[in-house]
Amino acid sequence: MLVEGPVEVLLEDGSVVTSDRFLVALCVCRRSRRFPFCDTSHRRRTRLGTEATPPASADPPRTAS
């Protein structure tokens, strides 16, 4: 979820987290290591029977010679 900043987020434990950025991505999937801010962890989610696609910067798979 994108929110125009700066923002103050009140967490469940009562603590307040702030960001002075002009646009802030808040995590709604709760997978982020930087929760409550989004770190795109939701993109690495896999479903049963499927593979996650590697990021564009990853090296291409090597073939056996």
Foldseek 3Di string as FASTA:
>chain_A
DKDADQDWDQDPVRDIDTDGDRIFAADPVPPDPPPRGDPPPVQCDDDPPDHRDDDPPDDDDDDDD
